[in-house]
Amino acid sequence: MNMADMFGKLTEFQKKMDEVKEQLNQLEVEAEAGGGMVKVIANGNREITSIKLDRDIIDPNDTEMLEDLIIAGINQALKKAEEASQDKMAEVTKGMLPGGLDLGNLGMK
């Protein structure tokens, strides 16, 4: 592969990465905790975009339980967002990178 071909591949790869980043920003995943009493939505870039709390769960005398459920919901949403992100990245990089190349070391997982 000559330098012009390599540069062309890198440019194509960067363009696809920009497209994926935008798609991930639009992608939403939802997670629940406490039997649906806490709902958390995150985007594919692993950013929390919404938290909904069932009014029945709000007890001023037991804030610890609410805090635990919020943390559980957030962790589930972030895990789902990470999985969705990895799936999307695998789609884009399939066939473009040499087999076994791990993008995790480049901050692109």
N, C-alpha and C. Protein backbone atom coordinates (compact mmCIF):
# COMPACT_ATOMS: atom_id res chain seq x y z
N MET A 1 0.85 -1.18 0.00
CA MET A 1 0.00 0.00 0.00
C MET A 1 0.90 1.24 0.00
N ASN A 2 0.66 2.17 -0.92
CA ASN A 2 1.47 3.37 -0.96
C ASN A 2 0.90 4.42 0.01
N MET A 3 1.64 5.51 0.18
CA MET A 3 1.25 6.55 1.14
C MET A 3 -0.07 7.22 0.77
N ALA A 4 -0.31 7.41 -0.51
CA ALA A 4 -1.56 8.04 -0.94
C ALA A 4 -2.75 7.15 -0.59
N ASP A 5 -2.59 5.85 -0.82
CA ASP A 5 -3.67 4.91 -0.46
C ASP A 5 -3.90 4.90 1.04
N MET A 6 -2.80 4.90 1.81
CA MET A 6 -2.92 4.88 3.26
C MET A 6 -3.60 6.16 3.75
N PHE A 7 -3.22 7.30 3.20
CA PHE A 7 -3.84 8.56 3.59
C PHE A 7 -5.33 8.56 3.25
N GLY A 8 -5.64 8.02 2.07
CA GLY A 8 -7.05 7.92 1.66
C GLY A 8 -7.85 7.06 2.62
N LYS A 9 -7.28 5.94 3.05
CA LYS A 9 -7.95 5.05 4.01
C LYS A 9 -8.14 5.76 5.35
N LEU A 10 -7.12 6.48 5.79
CA LEU A 10 -7.23 7.20 7.06
C LEU A 10 -8.30 8.29 6.99
N THR A 11 -8.36 8.99 5.89
CA THR A 11 -9.37 10.02 5.70
C THR A 11 -10.77 9.40 5.70
N GLU A 12 -10.91 8.29 5.00
CA GLU A 12 -12.20 7.58 4.96
C GLU A 12 -12.58 7.10 6.35
N PHE A 13 -11.61 6.56 7.08
CA PHE A 13 -11.86 6.07 8.43
C PHE A 13 -12.29 7.21 9.34
N GLN A 14 -11.63 8.35 9.26
CA GLN A 14 -11.98 9.51 10.10
C GLN A 14 -13.40 9.99 9.79
N LYS A 15 -13.76 10.01 8.53
CA LYS A 15 -15.10 10.43 8.13
C LYS A 15 -16.15 9.48 8.72
N LYS A 16 -15.86 8.18 8.63
CA LYS A 16 -16.79 7.20 9.20
C LYS A 16 -16.87 7.34 10.72
N MET A 17 -15.75 7.61 11.36
CA MET A 17 -15.75 7.78 12.81
C MET A 17 -16.59 8.99 13.21
N ASP A 18 -16.51 10.07 12.46
CA ASP A 18 -17.33 11.25 12.74
C ASP A 18 -18.81 10.93 12.59
N GLU A 19 -19.14 10.16 11.56
CA GLU A 19 -20.53 9.75 11.35
C GLU A 19 -21.03 8.88 12.50
N VAL A 20 -20.19 7.97 12.95
CA VAL A 20 -20.57 7.08 14.05
C VAL A 20 -20.77 7.88 15.33
N LYS A 21 -19.90 8.84 15.57
CA LYS A 21 -20.03 9.66 16.77
C LYS A 21 -21.39 10.38 16.79
N GLU A 22 -21.80 10.89 15.66
CA GLU A 22 -23.09 11.56 15.57
C GLU A 22 -24.23 10.56 15.75
N GLN A 23 -24.10 9.38 15.15
CA GLN A 23 -25.12 8.34 15.33
C GLN A 23 -25.23 7.92 16.79
N LEU A 24 -24.09 7.80 17.46
CA LEU A 24 -24.10 7.43 18.87
C LEU A 24 -24.75 8.51 19.73
N ASN A 25 -24.58 9.74 19.34
CA ASN A 25 -25.20 10.84 20.07
C ASN A 25 -26.73 10.76 19.96
N GLN A 26 -27.23 10.26 18.83
CA GLN A 26 -28.67 10.13 18.60
C GLN A 26 -29.25 8.85 19.21
N LEU A 27 -28.42 7.83 19.38
CA LEU A 27 -28.86 6.55 19.91
C LEU A 27 -29.24 6.69 21.39
N GLU A 28 -30.33 6.08 21.78
CA GLU A 28 -30.75 6.11 23.18
C GLU A 28 -30.95 4.70 23.70
N VAL A 29 -30.49 4.46 24.93
CA VAL A 29 -30.75 3.21 25.62
C VAL A 29 -31.43 3.55 26.94
N GLU A 30 -32.30 2.65 27.38
CA GLU A 30 -33.02 2.88 28.63
C GLU A 30 -32.76 1.72 29.57
N ALA A 31 -32.59 2.05 30.84
CA ALA A 31 -32.41 1.04 31.88
C ALA A 31 -33.36 1.37 33.02
N GLU A 32 -33.72 0.32 33.76
CA GLU A 32 -34.64 0.50 34.88
C GLU A 32 -34.04 -0.13 36.13
N ALA A 33 -34.46 0.39 37.28
CA ALA A 33 -34.09 -0.19 38.57
C ALA A 33 -35.32 -0.12 39.46
N GLY A 34 -35.34 -0.98 40.44
CA GLY A 34 -36.47 -0.98 41.37
C GLY A 34 -37.77 -1.35 40.70
N GLY A 35 -37.72 -2.30 39.78
CA GLY A 35 -38.94 -2.72 39.10
C GLY A 35 -39.56 -1.63 38.26
N GLY A 36 -38.73 -0.77 37.71
CA GLY A 36 -39.22 0.30 36.83
C GLY A 36 -39.51 1.60 37.55
N MET A 37 -39.23 1.65 38.85
CA MET A 37 -39.50 2.88 39.60
C MET A 37 -38.47 3.97 39.29
N VAL A 38 -37.30 3.56 38.81
CA VAL A 38 -36.27 4.48 38.35
C VAL A 38 -35.95 4.12 36.91
N LYS A 39 -36.06 5.10 36.02
CA LYS A 39 -35.73 4.89 34.60
C LYS A 39 -34.65 5.89 34.21
N VAL A 40 -33.63 5.36 33.58
CA VAL A 40 -32.49 6.19 33.17
C VAL A 40 -32.28 6.00 31.67
N ILE A 41 -32.12 7.11 30.97
CA ILE A 41 -31.83 7.08 29.53
C ILE A 41 -30.43 7.67 29.32
N ALA A 42 -29.65 6.96 28.49
CA ALA A 42 -28.32 7.43 28.13
C ALA A 42 -28.20 7.38 26.62
N ASN A 43 -27.29 8.19 26.07
CA ASN A 43 -27.04 8.11 24.64
C ASN A 43 -25.85 7.20 24.38
N GLY A 44 -25.57 6.95 23.13
CA GLY A 44 -24.48 6.05 22.75
C GLY A 44 -23.10 6.58 23.08
N ASN A 45 -23.01 7.85 23.44
CA ASN A 45 -21.74 8.43 23.86
C ASN A 45 -21.57 8.34 25.37
N ARG A 46 -22.41 7.53 26.00
CA ARG A 46 -22.36 7.27 27.44
C ARG A 46 -22.60 8.52 28.27
N GLU A 47 -23.58 9.30 27.84
CA GLU A 47 -24.01 10.48 28.59
C GLU A 47 -25.45 10.26 29.05
N ILE A 48 -25.72 10.52 30.32
CA ILE A 48 -27.08 10.38 30.85
C ILE A 48 -27.89 11.56 30.32
N THR A 49 -29.04 11.26 29.71
CA THR A 49 -29.87 12.33 29.14
C THR A 49 -31.17 12.52 29.89
N SER A 50 -31.55 11.51 30.71
CA SER A 50 -32.82 11.63 31.42
C SER A 50 -32.87 10.65 32.58
N ILE A 51 -33.47 11.09 33.69
CA ILE A 51 -33.76 10.21 34.82
C ILE A 51 -35.20 10.48 35.22
N LYS A 52 -36.00 9.43 35.28
CA LYS A 52 -37.39 9.54 35.70
C LYS A 52 -37.58 8.73 36.98
N LEU A 53 -38.24 9.33 37.96
CA LEU A 53 -38.51 8.67 39.23
C LEU A 53 -40.01 8.54 39.44
N ASP A 54 -40.43 7.34 39.80
CA ASP A 54 -41.83 7.13 40.18
C ASP A 54 -42.05 7.85 41.51
N ARG A 55 -43.11 8.59 41.61
CA ARG A 55 -43.38 9.37 42.83
C ARG A 55 -43.46 8.50 44.08
N ASP A 56 -43.90 7.26 43.93
CA ASP A 56 -44.04 6.37 45.08
C ASP A 56 -42.70 6.02 45.72
N ILE A 57 -41.63 6.19 44.98
CA ILE A 57 -40.31 5.82 45.51
C ILE A 57 -39.68 6.96 46.32
N ILE A 58 -40.23 8.14 46.20
CA ILE A 58 -39.64 9.30 46.89
C ILE A 58 -40.14 9.33 48.33
N ASP A 59 -39.24 8.95 49.24
CA ASP A 59 -39.54 8.93 50.67
C ASP A 59 -38.45 9.72 51.39
N PRO A 60 -38.80 10.89 51.92
CA PRO A 60 -37.78 11.72 52.59
C PRO A 60 -37.09 11.00 53.75
N ASN A 61 -37.73 9.98 54.28
CA ASN A 61 -37.15 9.25 55.40
C ASN A 61 -36.25 8.09 54.96
N ASP A 62 -36.19 7.83 53.67
CA ASP A 62 -35.36 6.74 53.16
C ASP A 62 -34.67 7.16 51.87
N THR A 63 -33.85 8.18 51.97
CA THR A 63 -33.14 8.66 50.77
C THR A 63 -32.07 7.68 50.32
N GLU A 64 -31.56 6.88 51.24
CA GLU A 64 -30.50 5.93 50.88
C GLU A 64 -30.99 4.92 49.84
N MET A 65 -32.21 4.42 49.98
CA MET A 65 -32.75 3.47 49.01
C MET A 65 -32.89 4.14 47.63
N LEU A 66 -33.39 5.37 47.61
CA LEU A 66 -33.53 6.09 46.35
C LEU A 66 -32.17 6.31 45.69
N GLU A 67 -31.20 6.71 46.48
CA GLU A 67 -29.84 6.91 45.95
C GLU A 67 -29.30 5.62 45.35
N ASP A 68 -29.49 4.49 46.04
CA ASP A 68 -29.01 3.20 45.54
C ASP A 68 -29.68 2.83 44.23
N LEU A 69 -30.99 3.07 44.13
CA LEU A 69 -31.71 2.74 42.90
C LEU A 69 -31.28 3.64 41.74
N ILE A 70 -31.03 4.90 42.02
CA ILE A 70 -30.55 5.81 40.97
C ILE A 70 -29.18 5.36 40.47
N ILE A 71 -28.31 5.01 41.38
CA ILE A 71 -26.97 4.53 41.00
C ILE A 71 -27.09 3.25 40.16
N ALA A 72 -27.95 2.33 40.60
CA ALA A 72 -28.13 1.08 39.85
C ALA A 72 -28.66 1.36 38.44
N GLY A 73 -29.63 2.26 38.32
CA GLY A 73 -30.17 2.61 37.01
C GLY A 73 -29.14 3.26 36.11
N ILE A 74 -28.36 4.16 36.67
CA ILE A 74 -27.31 4.82 35.89
C ILE A 74 -26.27 3.81 35.42
N ASN A 75 -25.84 2.94 36.31
CA ASN A 75 -24.84 1.94 35.93
C ASN A 75 -25.36 1.02 34.83
N GLN A 76 -26.61 0.63 34.91
CA GLN A 76 -27.20 -0.22 33.86
C GLN A 76 -27.27 0.53 32.53
N ALA A 77 -27.69 1.79 32.59
CA ALA A 77 -27.80 2.58 31.35
C ALA A 77 -26.42 2.78 30.71
N LEU A 78 -25.42 3.06 31.52
CA LEU A 78 -24.07 3.26 30.98
C LEU A 78 -23.52 1.96 30.40
N LYS A 79 -23.83 0.83 31.03
CA LYS A 79 -23.39 -0.45 30.49
C LYS A 79 -24.05 -0.72 29.13
N LYS A 80 -25.35 -0.46 29.03
CA LYS A 80 -26.05 -0.66 27.76
C LYS A 80 -25.50 0.29 26.70
N ALA A 81 -25.20 1.53 27.08
CA ALA A 81 -24.66 2.50 26.13
C ALA A 81 -23.28 2.06 25.65
N GLU A 82 -22.47 1.53 26.54
CA GLU A 82 -21.14 1.04 26.17
C GLU A 82 -21.25 -0.12 25.18
N GLU A 83 -22.17 -1.04 25.45
CA GLU A 83 -22.37 -2.18 24.55
C GLU A 83 -22.84 -1.71 23.18
N ALA A 84 -23.78 -0.77 23.15
CA ALA A 84 -24.29 -0.24 21.88
C ALA A 84 -23.17 0.46 21.12
N SER A 85 -22.35 1.19 21.84
CA SER A 85 -21.23 1.90 21.23
C SER A 85 -20.23 0.92 20.62
N GLN A 86 -19.90 -0.12 21.36
CA GLN A 86 -18.96 -1.12 20.84
C GLN A 86 -19.52 -1.83 19.61
N ASP A 87 -20.80 -2.13 19.64
CA ASP A 87 -21.43 -2.77 18.48
C ASP A 87 -21.35 -1.87 17.25
N LYS A 88 -21.65 -0.59 17.45
CA LYS A 88 -21.63 0.36 16.33
C LYS A 88 -20.20 0.52 15.80
N MET A 89 -19.23 0.59 16.69
CA MET A 89 -17.84 0.73 16.26
C MET A 89 -17.38 -0.52 15.51
N ALA A 90 -17.83 -1.68 15.95
CA ALA A 90 -17.45 -2.93 15.27
C ALA A 90 -18.01 -2.94 13.85
N GLU A 91 -19.23 -2.42 13.68
CA GLU A 91 -19.83 -2.34 12.34
C GLU A 91 -18.98 -1.48 11.42
N VAL A 92 -18.55 -0.34 11.92
CA VAL A 92 -17.83 0.63 11.10
C VAL A 92 -16.42 0.16 10.78
N THR A 93 -15.75 -0.42 11.77
CA THR A 93 -14.35 -0.78 11.56
C THR A 93 -14.18 -2.13 10.87
N LYS A 94 -15.26 -2.89 10.76
CA LYS A 94 -15.17 -4.21 10.13
C LYS A 94 -14.66 -4.06 8.69
N GLY A 95 -13.61 -4.77 8.40
CA GLY A 95 -13.05 -4.75 7.06
C GLY A 95 -12.11 -3.58 6.79
N MET A 96 -12.06 -2.61 7.71
CA MET A 96 -11.17 -1.47 7.49
C MET A 96 -9.84 -1.63 8.20
N LEU A 97 -9.85 -2.37 9.31
CA LEU A 97 -8.64 -2.50 10.11
C LEU A 97 -8.11 -3.93 10.04
N PRO A 98 -6.80 -4.08 10.18
CA PRO A 98 -6.24 -5.43 10.20
C PRO A 98 -6.84 -6.23 11.34
N GLY A 99 -7.04 -7.50 11.15
CA GLY A 99 -7.61 -8.36 12.18
C GLY A 99 -6.85 -8.26 13.48
N GLY A 100 -7.60 -8.21 14.57
CA GLY A 100 -6.99 -8.19 15.89
C GLY A 100 -6.55 -6.82 16.36
N LEU A 101 -6.70 -5.78 15.56
CA LEU A 101 -6.30 -4.45 16.01
C LEU A 101 -7.29 -3.96 17.04
N ASP A 102 -6.80 -3.64 18.22
CA ASP A 102 -7.64 -3.22 19.34
C ASP A 102 -7.64 -1.71 19.41
N LEU A 103 -8.82 -1.11 19.18
CA LEU A 103 -8.94 0.35 19.24
C LEU A 103 -9.01 0.85 20.68
N GLY A 104 -9.14 -0.05 21.64
CA GLY A 104 -9.24 0.35 23.03
C GLY A 104 -8.02 1.12 23.50
N ASN A 105 -6.86 0.79 22.99
CA ASN A 105 -5.64 1.47 23.37
C ASN A 105 -5.56 2.88 22.80
N LEU A 106 -6.40 3.17 21.83
CA LEU A 106 -6.41 4.50 21.22
C LEU A 106 -7.57 5.35 21.74
N GLY A 107 -8.26 4.86 22.77
CA GLY A 107 -9.40 5.59 23.30
C GLY A 107 -10.61 5.53 22.39
N MET A 108 -10.70 4.52 21.53
CA MET A 108 -11.77 4.44 20.55
C MET A 108 -12.58 3.17 20.71
N LYS A 109 -12.72 2.68 21.92
CA LYS A 109 -13.50 1.46 22.06
C LYS A 109 -14.95 1.73 22.22
